[in-house]
Amino acid sequence: MAVLTPGSARLYETGGWRSFYPKTDESRCIACGMCWIFCPDACRVLTPRLNPIVGLTPNFYDFEPKYCKGCGICAQECPTSAIRMIEEGK
């Protein structure tokens, strides 16, 4: 199915054909936002929660499973290697 209308990508849930999903080690995350910047599907979402490393910044980037295709770009671009790709179902 083609996305023909700009800004309508949220209507198409692409997470159903994912083989791997990103898992963040919160003890290594510095809340830099690189995963959010590089995610091609905008499935990294800012969650207001206290970060164990940064502390003062109540931000954390979770992933939205409905839209994550498991491409692994977030894990590749993470400067602290806080994100690992986990095989779906494990």
PDB file of N, CA and C in Angstrom:
ATOM      1  N   MET A   1       0.851  -1.171   0.000  1.00  0.00           N
ATOM      2  CA  MET A   1       0.000   0.000   0.000  1.00  0.00           C
ATOM      3  C   MET A   1       0.895   1.233   0.000  1.00  0.00           C
ATOM      4  N   ALA A   2       0.647   2.128  -0.870  1.00  0.00           N
ATOM      5  CA  ALA A   2       1.448   3.343  -0.983  1.00  0.00           C
ATOM      6  C   ALA A   2       0.870   4.444  -0.114  1.00  0.00           C
ATOM      7  N   VAL A   3       1.756   5.236   0.472  1.00  0.00           N
ATOM      8  CA  VAL A   3       1.343   6.411   1.229  1.00  0.00           C
ATOM      9  C   VAL A   3       1.296   7.568   0.244  1.00  0.00           C
ATOM     10  N   LEU A   4       0.138   8.029  -0.093  1.00  0.00           N
ATOM     11  CA  LEU A   4      -0.022   9.041  -1.132  1.00  0.00           C
ATOM     12  C   LEU A   4      -0.249  10.447  -0.591  1.00  0.00           C
ATOM     13  N   THR A   5      -0.727  10.557   0.641  1.00  0.00           N
ATOM     14  CA  THR A   5      -1.014  11.860   1.213  1.00  0.00           C
ATOM     15  C   THR A   5       0.072  12.233   2.215  1.00  0.00           C
ATOM     16  N   PRO A   6       0.749  13.372   2.015  1.00  0.00           N
ATOM     17  CA  PRO A   6       1.778  13.779   2.969  1.00  0.00           C
ATOM     18  C   PRO A   6       1.217  13.881   4.389  1.00  0.00           C
ATOM     19  N   GLY A   7       2.001  13.394   5.362  1.00  0.00           N
ATOM     20  CA  GLY A   7       1.596  13.476   6.751  1.00  0.00           C
ATOM     21  C   GLY A   7       0.653  12.374   7.198  1.00  0.00           C
ATOM     22  N   SER A   8       0.437  11.371   6.342  1.00  0.00           N
ATOM     23  CA  SER A   8      -0.510  10.313   6.689  1.00  0.00           C
ATOM     24  C   SER A   8       0.169   9.002   7.089  1.00  0.00           C
ATOM     25  N   ALA A   9       1.473   9.020   7.284  1.00  0.00           N
ATOM     26  CA  ALA A   9       2.195   7.781   7.590  1.00  0.00           C
ATOM     27  C   ALA A   9       1.710   7.130   8.881  1.00  0.00           C
ATOM     28  N   ARG A  10       1.176   7.909   9.820  1.00  0.00           N
ATOM     29  CA  ARG A  10       0.688   7.346  11.079  1.00  0.00           C
ATOM     30  C   ARG A  10      -0.500   6.402  10.862  1.00  0.00           C
ATOM     31  N   LEU A  11      -1.121   6.475   9.715  1.00  0.00           N
ATOM     32  CA  LEU A  11      -2.254   5.599   9.435  1.00  0.00           C
ATOM     33  C   LEU A  11      -1.807   4.184   9.099  1.00  0.00           C
ATOM     34  N   TYR A  12      -0.516   4.034   8.776  1.00  0.00           N
ATOM     35  CA  TYR A  12      -0.012   2.738   8.320  1.00  0.00           C
ATOM     36  C   TYR A  12       0.904   2.136   9.375  1.00  0.00           C
ATOM     37  N   GLU A  13       0.420   1.128  10.061  1.00  0.00           N
ATOM     38  CA  GLU A  13       1.207   0.469  11.098  1.00  0.00           C
ATOM     39  C   GLU A  13       2.097  -0.573  10.440  1.00  0.00           C
ATOM     40  N   THR A  14       3.414  -0.375  10.559  1.00  0.00           N
ATOM     41  CA  THR A  14       4.371  -1.232   9.868  1.00  0.00           C
ATOM     42  C   THR A  14       5.121  -2.170  10.806  1.00  0.00           C
ATOM     43  N   GLY A  15       4.773  -2.161  12.071  1.00  0.00           N
ATOM     44  CA  GLY A  15       5.500  -2.984  13.028  1.00  0.00           C
ATOM     45  C   GLY A  15       5.185  -4.470  12.946  1.00  0.00           C
ATOM     46  N   GLY A  16       4.169  -4.854  12.213  1.00  0.00           N
ATOM     47  CA  GLY A  16       3.774  -6.249  12.146  1.00  0.00           C
ATOM     48  C   GLY A  16       4.729  -7.151  11.405  1.00  0.00           C
ATOM     49  N   TRP A  17       5.606  -6.604  10.592  1.00  0.00           N
ATOM     50  CA  TRP A  17       6.524  -7.446   9.833  1.00  0.00           C
ATOM     51  C   TRP A  17       7.961  -7.312  10.324  1.00  0.00           C
ATOM     52  N   ARG A  18       8.115  -6.875  11.578  1.00  0.00           N
ATOM     53  CA  ARG A  18       9.430  -6.691  12.188  1.00  0.00           C
ATOM     54  C   ARG A  18       9.996  -8.034  12.655  1.00  0.00           C
ATOM     55  N   SER A  19      11.311  -8.270  12.467  1.00  0.00           N
ATOM     56  CA  SER A  19      11.996  -9.463  12.966  1.00  0.00           C
ATOM     57  C   SER A  19      12.743  -9.174  14.254  1.00  0.00           C
ATOM     58  N   PHE A  20      13.183  -7.917  14.402  1.00  0.00           N
ATOM     59  CA  PHE A  20      13.929  -7.503  15.579  1.00  0.00           C
ATOM     60  C   PHE A  20      13.301  -6.222  16.115  1.00  0.00           C
ATOM     61  N   TYR A  21      13.426  -6.011  17.406  1.00  0.00           N
ATOM     62  CA  TYR A  21      12.947  -4.769  18.005  1.00  0.00           C
ATOM     63  C   TYR A  21      14.052  -4.171  18.884  1.00  0.00           C
ATOM     64  N   PRO A  22      14.047  -2.851  19.058  1.00  0.00           N
ATOM     65  CA  PRO A  22      15.085  -2.207  19.869  1.00  0.00           C
ATOM     66  C   PRO A  22      14.764  -2.278  21.361  1.00  0.00           C
ATOM     67  N   LYS A  23      15.778  -2.582  22.148  1.00  0.00           N
ATOM     68  CA  LYS A  23      15.628  -2.585  23.600  1.00  0.00           C
ATOM     69  C   LYS A  23      16.705  -1.667  24.159  1.00  0.00           C
ATOM     70  N   THR A  24      16.282  -0.727  24.987  1.00  0.00           N
ATOM     71  CA  THR A  24      17.206   0.272  25.524  1.00  0.00           C
ATOM     72  C   THR A  24      17.636  -0.093  26.931  1.00  0.00           C
ATOM     73  N   ASP A  25      18.945  -0.088  27.152  1.00  0.00           N
ATOM     74  CA  ASP A  25      19.502  -0.259  28.490  1.00  0.00           C
ATOM     75  C   ASP A  25      19.485   1.121  29.140  1.00  0.00           C
ATOM     76  N   GLU A  26      18.536   1.346  30.020  1.00  0.00           N
ATOM     77  CA  GLU A  26      18.349   2.678  30.608  1.00  0.00           C
ATOM     78  C   GLU A  26      19.554   3.132  31.427  1.00  0.00           C
ATOM     79  N   SER A  27      20.365   2.196  31.902  1.00  0.00           N
ATOM     80  CA  SER A  27      21.538   2.588  32.681  1.00  0.00           C
ATOM     81  C   SER A  27      22.638   3.180  31.797  1.00  0.00           C
ATOM     82  N   ARG A  28      22.518   3.024  30.462  1.00  0.00           N
ATOM     83  CA  ARG A  28      23.530   3.558  29.544  1.00  0.00           C
ATOM     84  C   ARG A  28      23.000   4.731  28.717  1.00  0.00           C
ATOM     85  N   CYS A  29      21.698   4.945  28.724  1.00  0.00           N
ATOM     86  CA  CYS A  29      21.093   5.995  27.898  1.00  0.00           C
ATOM     87  C   CYS A  29      21.384   7.376  28.492  1.00  0.00           C
ATOM     88  N   ILE A  30      21.862   8.282  27.634  1.00  0.00           N
ATOM     89  CA  ILE A  30      22.140   9.648  28.081  1.00  0.00           C
ATOM     90  C   ILE A  30      21.077  10.620  27.568  1.00  0.00           C
ATOM     91  N   ALA A  31      19.992  10.102  26.996  1.00  0.00           N
ATOM     92  CA  ALA A  31      18.864  10.911  26.504  1.00  0.00           C
ATOM     93  C   ALA A  31      19.316  11.968  25.508  1.00  0.00           C
ATOM     94  N   CYS A  32      20.232  11.599  24.615  1.00  0.00           N
ATOM     95  CA  CYS A  32      20.761  12.564  23.641  1.00  0.00           C
ATOM     96  C   CYS A  32      19.803  12.785  22.471  1.00  0.00           C
ATOM     97  N   GLY A  33      18.918  11.826  22.217  1.00  0.00           N
ATOM     98  CA  GLY A  33      17.955  11.981  21.135  1.00  0.00           C
ATOM     99  C   GLY A  33      18.449  11.532  19.773  1.00  0.00           C
ATOM    100  N   MET A  34      19.643  10.952  19.691  1.00  0.00           N
ATOM    101  CA  MET A  34      20.151  10.499  18.391  1.00  0.00           C
ATOM    102  C   MET A  34      19.246   9.424  17.794  1.00  0.00           C
ATOM    103  N   CYS A  35      18.698   8.541  18.606  1.00  0.00           N
ATOM    104  CA  CYS A  35      17.789   7.507  18.102  1.00  0.00           C
ATOM    105  C   CYS A  35      16.544   8.151  17.500  1.00  0.00           C
ATOM    106  N   TRP A  36      16.075   9.190  18.113  1.00  0.00           N
ATOM    107  CA  TRP A  36      14.898   9.907  17.630  1.00  0.00           C
ATOM    108  C   TRP A  36      15.209  10.627  16.311  1.00  0.00           C
ATOM    109  N   ILE A  37      16.375  11.239  16.231  1.00  0.00           N
ATOM    110  CA  ILE A  37      16.756  11.981  15.028  1.00  0.00           C
ATOM    111  C   ILE A  37      16.876  11.061  13.823  1.00  0.00           C
ATOM    112  N   PHE A  38      17.481   9.893  13.997  1.00  0.00           N
ATOM    113  CA  PHE A  38      17.760   9.024  12.862  1.00  0.00           C
ATOM    114  C   PHE A  38      16.655   8.026  12.538  1.00  0.00           C
ATOM    115  N   CYS A  39      15.666   7.859  13.383  1.00  0.00           N
ATOM    116  CA  CYS A  39      14.609   6.880  13.115  1.00  0.00           C
ATOM    117  C   CYS A  39      13.813   7.295  11.870  1.00  0.00           C
ATOM    118  N   PRO A  40      13.821   6.463  10.823  1.00  0.00           N
ATOM    119  CA  PRO A  40      13.110   6.835   9.593  1.00  0.00           C
ATOM    120  C   PRO A  40      11.591   6.739   9.712  1.00  0.00           C
ATOM    121  N   ASP A  41      11.105   6.087  10.747  1.00  0.00           N
ATOM    122  CA  ASP A  41       9.663   5.907  10.902  1.00  0.00           C
ATOM    123  C   ASP A  41       9.094   6.687  12.072  1.00  0.00           C
ATOM    124  N   ALA A  42       9.906   7.512  12.690  1.00  0.00           N
ATOM    125  CA  ALA A  42       9.484   8.325  13.832  1.00  0.00           C
ATOM    126  C   ALA A  42       8.832   7.466  14.911  1.00  0.00           C
ATOM    127  N   CYS A  43       9.392   6.282  15.126  1.00  0.00           N
ATOM    128  CA  CYS A  43       8.799   5.412  16.151  1.00  0.00           C
ATOM    129  C   CYS A  43       9.477   5.580  17.504  1.00  0.00           C
ATOM    130  N   ARG A  44      10.503   6.418  17.584  1.00  0.00           N
ATOM    131  CA  ARG A  44      11.098   6.726  18.885  1.00  0.00           C
ATOM    132  C   ARG A  44      10.292   7.888  19.451  1.00  0.00           C
ATOM    133  N   VAL A  45       9.708   7.696  20.601  1.00  0.00           N
ATOM    134  CA  VAL A  45       8.845   8.714  21.195  1.00  0.00           C
ATOM    135  C   VAL A  45       9.410   9.164  22.536  1.00  0.00           C
ATOM    136  N   LEU A  46       9.324  10.445  22.748  1.00  0.00           N
ATOM    137  CA  LEU A  46       9.820  11.026  23.986  1.00  0.00           C
ATOM    138  C   LEU A  46       8.834  10.729  25.106  1.00  0.00           C
ATOM    139  N   THR A  47       9.328  10.116  26.151  1.00  0.00           N
ATOM    140  CA  THR A  47       8.495   9.737  27.274  1.00  0.00           C
ATOM    141  C   THR A  47       8.963  10.504  28.506  1.00  0.00           C
ATOM    142  N   PRO A  48       8.093  11.231  29.153  1.00  0.00           N
ATOM    143  CA  PRO A  48       8.499  11.948  30.362  1.00  0.00           C
ATOM    144  C   PRO A  48       8.724  10.977  31.515  1.00  0.00           C
ATOM    145  N   ARG A  49       9.982  10.726  31.779  1.00  0.00           N
ATOM    146  CA  ARG A  49      10.361   9.796  32.843  1.00  0.00           C
ATOM    147  C   ARG A  49      11.772  10.172  33.259  1.00  0.00           C
ATOM    148  N   LEU A  50      12.099   9.991  34.500  1.00  0.00           N
ATOM    149  CA  LEU A  50      13.428  10.339  34.997  1.00  0.00           C
ATOM    150  C   LEU A  50      14.465   9.379  34.422  1.00  0.00           C
ATOM    151  N   ASN A  51      15.494   9.947  33.807  1.00  0.00           N
ATOM    152  CA  ASN A  51      16.565   9.146  33.232  1.00  0.00           C
ATOM    153  C   ASN A  51      17.582   8.839  34.325  1.00  0.00           C
ATOM    154  N   PRO A  52      17.993   7.582  34.516  1.00  0.00           N
ATOM    155  CA  PRO A  52      18.901   7.238  35.606  1.00  0.00           C
ATOM    156  C   PRO A  52      20.298   7.836  35.466  1.00  0.00           C
ATOM    157  N   ILE A  53      20.726   8.145  34.235  1.00  0.00           N
ATOM    158  CA  ILE A  53      22.066   8.708  34.036  1.00  0.00           C
ATOM    159  C   ILE A  53      22.018  10.227  34.093  1.00  0.00           C
ATOM    160  N   VAL A  54      21.138  10.797  33.290  1.00  0.00           N
ATOM    161  CA  VAL A  54      21.073  12.260  33.193  1.00  0.00           C
ATOM    162  C   VAL A  54      20.438  12.851  34.445  1.00  0.00           C
ATOM    163  N   GLY A  55      19.466  12.179  34.980  1.00  0.00           N
ATOM    164  CA  GLY A  55      18.832  12.595  36.220  1.00  0.00           C
ATOM    165  C   GLY A  55      17.976  13.837  36.094  1.00  0.00           C
ATOM    166  N   LEU A  56      18.590  14.971  35.757  1.00  0.00           N
ATOM    167  CA  LEU A  56      17.859  16.226  35.722  1.00  0.00           C
ATOM    168  C   LEU A  56      16.941  16.352  34.518  1.00  0.00           C
ATOM    169  N   THR A  57      17.166  15.560  33.486  1.00  0.00           N
ATOM    170  CA  THR A  57      16.330  15.621  32.301  1.00  0.00           C
ATOM    171  C   THR A  57      15.270  14.537  32.373  1.00  0.00           C
ATOM    172  N   PRO A  58      14.040  14.901  32.558  1.00  0.00           N
ATOM    173  CA  PRO A  58      12.999  13.880  32.670  1.00  0.00           C
ATOM    174  C   PRO A  58      12.544  13.368  31.315  1.00  0.00           C
ATOM    175  N   ASN A  59      13.512  13.031  30.467  1.00  0.00           N
ATOM    176  CA  ASN A  59      13.186  12.566  29.128  1.00  0.00           C
ATOM    177  C   ASN A  59      13.774  11.191  28.875  1.00  0.00           C
ATOM    178  N   PHE A  60      13.040  10.413  28.156  1.00  0.00           N
ATOM    179  CA  PHE A  60      13.516   9.092  27.767  1.00  0.00           C
ATOM    180  C   PHE A  60      12.851   8.738  26.449  1.00  0.00           C
ATOM    181  N   TYR A  61      13.582   8.072  25.577  1.00  0.00           N
ATOM    182  CA  TYR A  61      13.051   7.740  24.261  1.00  0.00           C
ATOM    183  C   TYR A  61      12.666   6.268  24.219  1.00  0.00           C
ATOM    184  N   ASP A  62      11.369   6.000  24.219  1.00  0.00           N
ATOM    185  CA  ASP A  62      10.860   4.649  24.053  1.00  0.00           C
ATOM    186  C   ASP A  62      10.575   4.427  22.580  1.00  0.00           C
ATOM    187  N   PHE A  63      10.277   3.190  22.196  1.00  0.00           N
ATOM    188  CA  PHE A  63       9.905   2.970  20.809  1.00  0.00           C
ATOM    189  C   PHE A  63       8.439   2.586  20.733  1.00  0.00           C
ATOM    190  N   GLU A  64       7.823   2.970  19.656  1.00  0.00           N
ATOM    191  CA  GLU A  64       6.413   2.679  19.417  1.00  0.00           C
ATOM    192  C   GLU A  64       6.337   1.420  18.559  1.00  0.00           C
ATOM    193  N   PRO A  65       5.950   0.285  19.139  1.00  0.00           N
ATOM    194  CA  PRO A  65       5.986  -0.981  18.402  1.00  0.00           C
ATOM    195  C   PRO A  65       5.072  -1.029  17.173  1.00  0.00           C
ATOM    196  N   LYS A  66       4.043  -0.219  17.134  1.00  0.00           N
ATOM    197  CA  LYS A  66       3.142  -0.250  15.970  1.00  0.00           C
ATOM    198  C   LYS A  66       3.824   0.251  14.706  1.00  0.00           C
ATOM    199  N   TYR A  67       4.876   1.063  14.865  1.00  0.00           N
ATOM    200  CA  TYR A  67       5.505   1.678  13.697  1.00  0.00           C
ATOM    201  C   TYR A  67       6.950   1.254  13.483  1.00  0.00           C
ATOM    202  N   CYS A  68       7.578   0.635  14.475  1.00  0.00           N
ATOM    203  CA  CYS A  68       8.983   0.236  14.352  1.00  0.00           C
ATOM    204  C   CYS A  68       9.096  -0.966  13.418  1.00  0.00           C
ATOM    205  N   LYS A  69       9.911  -0.808  12.365  1.00  0.00           N
ATOM    206  CA  LYS A  69      10.137  -1.896  11.421  1.00  0.00           C
ATOM    207  C   LYS A  69      11.350  -2.733  11.808  1.00  0.00           C
ATOM    208  N   GLY A  70      12.053  -2.342  12.869  1.00  0.00           N
ATOM    209  CA  GLY A  70      13.204  -3.107  13.326  1.00  0.00           C
ATOM    210  C   GLY A  70      14.422  -2.939  12.453  1.00  0.00           C
ATOM    211  N   CYS A  71      14.588  -1.781  11.861  1.00  0.00           N
ATOM    212  CA  CYS A  71      15.719  -1.553  10.952  1.00  0.00           C
ATOM    213  C   CYS A  71      17.053  -1.496  11.696  1.00  0.00           C
ATOM    214  N   GLY A  72      17.029  -1.106  12.959  1.00  0.00           N
ATOM    215  CA  GLY A  72      18.259  -1.079  13.753  1.00  0.00           C
ATOM    216  C   GLY A  72      19.083   0.191  13.612  1.00  0.00           C
ATOM    217  N   ILE A  73      18.581   1.185  12.891  1.00  0.00           N
ATOM    218  CA  ILE A  73      19.329   2.432  12.742  1.00  0.00           C
ATOM    219  C   ILE A  73      19.520   3.101  14.101  1.00  0.00           C
ATOM    220  N   CYS A  74      18.524   3.048  14.961  1.00  0.00           N
ATOM    221  CA  CYS A  74      18.641   3.655  16.292  1.00  0.00           C
ATOM    222  C   CYS A  74      19.788   3.021  17.076  1.00  0.00           C
ATOM    223  N   ALA A  75      19.905   1.694  16.994  1.00  0.00           N
ATOM    224  CA  ALA A  75      20.984   1.000  17.699  1.00  0.00           C
ATOM    225  C   ALA A  75      22.342   1.341  17.090  1.00  0.00           C
ATOM    226  N   GLN A  76      22.363   1.472  15.781  1.00  0.00           N
ATOM    227  CA  GLN A  76      23.612   1.803  15.085  1.00  0.00           C
ATOM    228  C   GLN A  76      24.097   3.209  15.446  1.00  0.00           C
ATOM    229  N   GLU A  77      23.180   4.148  15.596  1.00  0.00           N
ATOM    230  CA  GLU A  77      23.548   5.543  15.830  1.00  0.00           C
ATOM    231  C   GLU A  77      23.688   5.909  17.299  1.00  0.00           C
ATOM    232  N   CYS A  78      23.279   5.065  18.203  1.00  0.00           N
ATOM    233  CA  CYS A  78      23.365   5.361  19.637  1.00  0.00           C
ATOM    234  C   CYS A  78      24.834   5.506  20.057  1.00  0.00           C
ATOM    235  N   PRO A  79      25.245   6.683  20.565  1.00  0.00           N
ATOM    236  CA  PRO A  79      26.660   6.895  20.900  1.00  0.00           C
ATOM    237  C   PRO A  79      27.136   6.112  22.118  1.00  0.00           C
ATOM    238  N   THR A  80      26.215   5.619  22.945  1.00  0.00           N
ATOM    239  CA  THR A  80      26.636   4.869  24.131  1.00  0.00           C
ATOM    240  C   THR A  80      26.311   3.376  24.018  1.00  0.00           C
ATOM    241  N   SER A  81      25.858   2.948  22.847  1.00  0.00           N
ATOM    242  CA  SER A  81      25.473   1.542  22.625  1.00  0.00           C
ATOM    243  C   SER A  81      24.428   1.077  23.642  1.00  0.00           C
ATOM    244  N   ALA A  82      23.534   1.976  23.985  1.00  0.00           N
ATOM    245  CA  ALA A  82      22.485   1.645  24.948  1.00  0.00           C
ATOM    246  C   ALA A  82      21.353   0.843  24.316  1.00  0.00           C
ATOM    247  N   ILE A  83      21.277   0.854  22.979  1.00  0.00           N
ATOM    248  CA  ILE A  83      20.181   0.161  22.302  1.00  0.00           C
ATOM    249  C   ILE A  83      20.712  -1.099  21.644  1.00  0.00           C
ATOM    250  N   ARG A  84      20.045  -2.212  21.922  1.00  0.00           N
ATOM    251  CA  ARG A  84      20.375  -3.494  21.290  1.00  0.00           C
ATOM    252  C   ARG A  84      19.151  -3.952  20.526  1.00  0.00           C
ATOM    253  N   MET A  85      19.372  -4.664  19.443  1.00  0.00           N
ATOM    254  CA  MET A  85      18.267  -5.221  18.686  1.00  0.00           C
ATOM    255  C   MET A  85      18.036  -6.646  19.180  1.00  0.00           C
ATOM    256  N   ILE A  86      16.808  -6.922  19.596  1.00  0.00           N
ATOM    257  CA  ILE A  86      16.422  -8.213  20.155  1.00  0.00           C
ATOM    258  C   ILE A  86      15.505  -8.912  19.151  1.00  0.00           C
ATOM    259  N   GLU A  87      15.746 -10.196  18.958  1.00  0.00           N
ATOM    260  CA  GLU A  87      14.907 -10.948  18.031  1.00  0.00           C
ATOM    261  C   GLU A  87      13.475 -11.000  18.560  1.00  0.00           C
ATOM    262  N   GLU A  88      12.544 -10.758  17.700  1.00  0.00           N
ATOM    263  CA  GLU A  88      11.130 -10.746  18.066  1.00  0.00           C
ATOM    264  C   GLU A  88      10.736 -12.092  18.675  1.00  0.00           C
ATOM    265  N   GLY A  89       9.992 -12.048  19.756  1.00  0.00           N
ATOM    266  CA  GLY A  89       9.544 -13.264  20.417  1.00  0.00           C
ATOM    267  C   GLY A  89      10.480 -13.768  21.488  1.00  0.00           C
ATOM    268  N   LYS A  90      11.599 -13.086  21.709  1.00  0.00           N
ATOM    269  CA  LYS A  90      12.533 -13.507  22.760  1.00  0.00           C
ATOM    270  C   LYS A  90      12.543 -12.512  23.879  1.00  0.00           C
TER     271      LYS A  90
END
